[in-house]
C-alpha atoms as a PDB file:
ATOM      1  CA  MET A   1      14.880 -51.765  31.023  1.00  0.00           C
ATOM      2  CA  HIS A   2      16.673 -48.456  30.830  1.00  0.00           C
ATOM      3  CA  PHE A   3      17.995 -46.447  33.713  1.00  0.00           C
ATOM      4  CA  VAL A   4      18.937 -42.898  32.826  1.00  0.00           C
ATOM      5  CA  SER A   5      22.391 -41.865  33.981  1.00  0.00           C
ATOM      6  CA  SER A   6      21.227 -38.308  34.741  1.00  0.00           C
ATOM      7  CA  GLN A   7      19.049 -39.634  37.563  1.00  0.00           C
ATOM      8  CA  THR A   8      20.093 -39.194  41.151  1.00  0.00           C
ATOM      9  CA  GLU A   9      21.351 -42.286  42.900  1.00  0.00           C
ATOM     10  CA  THR A  10      18.103 -42.562  44.867  1.00  0.00           C
ATOM     11  CA  GLU A  11      16.001 -42.335  41.690  1.00  0.00           C
ATOM     12  CA  GLN A  12      18.135 -44.961  39.991  1.00  0.00           C
ATOM     13  CA  LEU A  13      17.894 -47.340  42.954  1.00  0.00           C
ATOM     14  CA  THR A  14      14.124 -46.814  43.137  1.00  0.00           C
ATOM     15  CA  ASP A  15      13.818 -47.686  39.435  1.00  0.00           C
ATOM     16  CA  ILE A  16      15.866 -50.829  40.031  1.00  0.00           C
ATOM     17  CA  VAL A  17      13.643 -51.906  42.921  1.00  0.00           C
ATOM     18  CA  ASP A  18      10.516 -51.173  40.881  1.00  0.00           C
ATOM     19  CA  PHE A  19      11.862 -53.282  38.000  1.00  0.00           C
ATOM     20  CA  LEU A  20      12.626 -56.175  40.349  1.00  0.00           C
ATOM     21  CA  CYS A  21       9.174 -55.970  41.925  1.00  0.00           C
ATOM     22  CA  LYS A  22       7.405 -55.799  38.579  1.00  0.00           C
ATOM     23  CA  ASN A  23       9.179 -58.790  37.054  1.00  0.00           C
ATOM     24  CA  ILE A  24      10.269 -61.187  39.796  1.00  0.00           C
ATOM     25  CA  ASP A  25       7.061 -63.217  40.170  1.00  0.00           C
ATOM     26  CA  SER A  26       6.644 -63.919  36.483  1.00  0.00           C
ATOM     27  CA  CYS A  27      10.285 -64.891  36.002  1.00  0.00           C
ATOM     28  CA  VAL A  28      10.926 -67.220  38.950  1.00  0.00           C
ATOM     29  CA  SER A  29      10.262 -70.784  37.868  1.00  0.00           C
ATOM     30  CA  LEU A  30      10.767 -73.396  40.550  1.00  0.00           C
ATOM     31  CA  PRO A  31      10.724 -77.071  39.591  1.00  0.00           C
ATOM     32  CA  ALA A  32       7.356 -78.806  39.822  1.00  0.00           C
ATOM     33  CA  GLY A  33       6.390 -79.695  43.363  1.00  0.00           C
ATOM     34  CA  GLU A  34       8.825 -77.246  44.922  1.00  0.00           C
ATOM     35  CA  ALA A  35       7.367 -74.381  46.914  1.00  0.00           C
ATOM     36  CA  LYS A  36       8.771 -70.887  47.183  1.00  0.00           C
ATOM     37  CA  SER A  37      10.654 -70.232  50.387  1.00  0.00           C
ATOM     38  CA  PRO A  38       8.826 -68.422  53.196  1.00  0.00           C
ATOM     39  CA  GLN A  39      11.294 -65.544  52.842  1.00  0.00           C
ATOM     40  CA  PHE A  40      10.035 -64.982  49.288  1.00  0.00           C
ATOM     41  CA  ASN A  41       6.472 -64.329  50.478  1.00  0.00           C
ATOM     42  CA  ASP A  42       5.587 -60.651  50.118  1.00  0.00           C
ATOM     43  CA  PHE A  43       8.791 -59.992  48.128  1.00  0.00           C
ATOM     44  CA  GLN A  44       7.387 -56.789  46.680  1.00  0.00           C
ATOM     45  CA  ALA A  45       6.194 -55.372  49.987  1.00  0.00           C
ATOM     46  CA  LYS A  46       9.447 -56.188  51.784  1.00  0.00           C
ATOM     47  CA  ILE A  47      11.791 -54.814  49.157  1.00  0.00           C
ATOM     48  CA  THR A  48       9.630 -51.724  48.551  1.00  0.00           C
ATOM     49  CA  LYS A  49       9.618 -50.903  52.268  1.00  0.00           C
ATOM     50  CA  MET A  50      13.397 -51.273  52.474  1.00  0.00           C
ATOM     51  CA  ASN A  51      13.762 -49.020  49.433  1.00  0.00           C
ATOM     52  CA  LYS A  52      11.446 -46.423  50.962  1.00  0.00           C
ATOM     53  CA  ASP A  53      13.608 -46.506  54.108  1.00  0.00           C
ATOM     54  CA  ARG A  54      16.723 -46.370  51.897  1.00  0.00           C
ATOM     55  CA  ASP A  55      17.893 -49.581  53.527  1.00  0.00           C
ATOM     56  CA  TYR A  56      20.001 -50.761  50.605  1.00  0.00           C
ATOM     57  CA  LYS A  57      22.097 -53.000  52.828  1.00  0.00           C
ATOM     58  CA  GLY A  58      18.833 -54.643  53.908  1.00  0.00           C
ATOM     59  CA  ILE A  59      17.839 -55.177  50.265  1.00  0.00           C
ATOM     60  CA  LEU A  60      21.163 -56.870  49.538  1.00  0.00           C
ATOM     61  CA  GLY A  61      20.790 -59.074  52.608  1.00  0.00           C
ATOM     62  CA  TYR A  62      17.218 -59.933  51.703  1.00  0.00           C
ATOM     63  CA  LEU A  63      18.209 -60.919  48.166  1.00  0.00           C
ATOM     64  CA  LEU A  64      20.648 -63.402  49.681  1.00  0.00           C
ATOM     65  CA  THR A  65      17.790 -65.019  51.609  1.00  0.00           C
ATOM     66  CA  VAL A  66      15.846 -65.636  48.391  1.00  0.00           C
ATOM     67  CA  LYS A  67      18.830 -67.158  46.608  1.00  0.00           C
ATOM     68  CA  LYS A  68      16.865 -70.312  45.767  1.00  0.00           C
ATOM     69  CA  GLU A  69      14.332 -68.314  43.758  1.00  0.00           C
ATOM     70  CA  LEU A  70      16.947 -66.092  42.117  1.00  0.00           C
ATOM     71  CA  LEU A  71      18.860 -69.121  40.890  1.00  0.00           C
ATOM     72  CA  THR A  72      15.766 -70.260  38.973  1.00  0.00           C
ATOM     73  CA  LEU A  73      15.689 -67.104  36.851  1.00  0.00           C
ATOM     74  CA  PRO A  74      16.209 -67.722  33.136  1.00  0.00           C
ATOM     75  CA  ILE A  75      19.453 -66.949  31.368  1.00  0.00           C
ATOM     76  CA  SER A  76      17.789 -65.794  28.149  1.00  0.00           C
ATOM     77  CA  HIS A  77      16.205 -62.353  27.974  1.00  0.00           C
ATOM     78  CA  LYS A  78      14.252 -63.466  24.901  1.00  0.00           C
ATOM     79  CA  THR A  79      11.566 -65.078  27.047  1.00  0.00           C
ATOM     80  CA  GLN A  80      11.681 -63.049  30.290  1.00  0.00           C
ATOM     81  CA  GLN A  81      12.515 -59.500  31.320  1.00  0.00           C
ATOM     82  CA  LEU A  82      14.418 -60.535  34.436  1.00  0.00           C
ATOM     83  CA  THR A  83      17.360 -62.904  34.071  1.00  0.00           C
ATOM     84  CA  ILE A  84      20.029 -63.951  36.528  1.00  0.00           C
ATOM     85  CA  GLN A  85      22.516 -61.800  34.620  1.00  0.00           C
ATOM     86  CA  ARG A  86      20.257 -58.757  34.942  1.00  0.00           C
ATOM     87  CA  VAL A  87      19.839 -59.313  38.669  1.00  0.00           C
ATOM     88  CA  ILE A  88      23.603 -59.265  39.043  1.00  0.00           C
ATOM     89  CA  LEU A  89      23.834 -56.048  37.036  1.00  0.00           C
ATOM     90  CA  LEU A  90      20.959 -54.514  38.997  1.00  0.00           C
ATOM     91  CA  ILE A  91      22.580 -55.131  42.374  1.00  0.00           C
ATOM     92  CA  LEU A  92      25.828 -53.431  41.348  1.00  0.00           C
ATOM     93  CA  PRO A  93      24.490 -49.905  42.094  1.00  0.00           C
ATOM     94  CA  LEU A  94      23.293 -51.186  45.485  1.00  0.00           C
ATOM     95  CA  LEU A  95      26.776 -52.520  46.193  1.00  0.00           C
ATOM     96  CA  LYS A  96      28.338 -49.248  45.019  1.00  0.00           C
ATOM     97  CA  ASN A  97      26.088 -47.339  47.398  1.00  0.00           C
ATOM     98  CA  GLN A  98      27.207 -49.488  50.316  1.00  0.00           C
ATOM     99  CA  GLU A  99      30.849 -49.177  49.288  1.00  0.00           C
ATOM    100  CA  ASN A 100      30.524 -45.383  49.246  1.00  0.00           C
ATOM    101  CA  LEU A 101      28.977 -45.409  52.700  1.00  0.00           C
ATOM    102  CA  ALA A 102      31.810 -47.566  54.063  1.00  0.00           C
ATOM    103  CA  ALA A 103      34.508 -45.219  52.714  1.00  0.00           C
END
């Protein structure tokens, strides 16, 4: 996971969304017998569409609706590409974008 600082903000956010889409399914590990929430269905399609529309506020809101799945992400990057710590770091540019729009 490496996002080049010379990228435009849109390119960087697109790379972040692509990374989330590529790794989320393999990294979420719900306890046995527990089903994924209905909001998590079609995660990739939903988040990709919002990214295409540059709806970064929508992405942030959507990530809050899949909190149950995000909280199951591992804390060690040795076994998985996407950890809860990485998700937090990945949403920071989305938050910065929204902060800039609000200013």
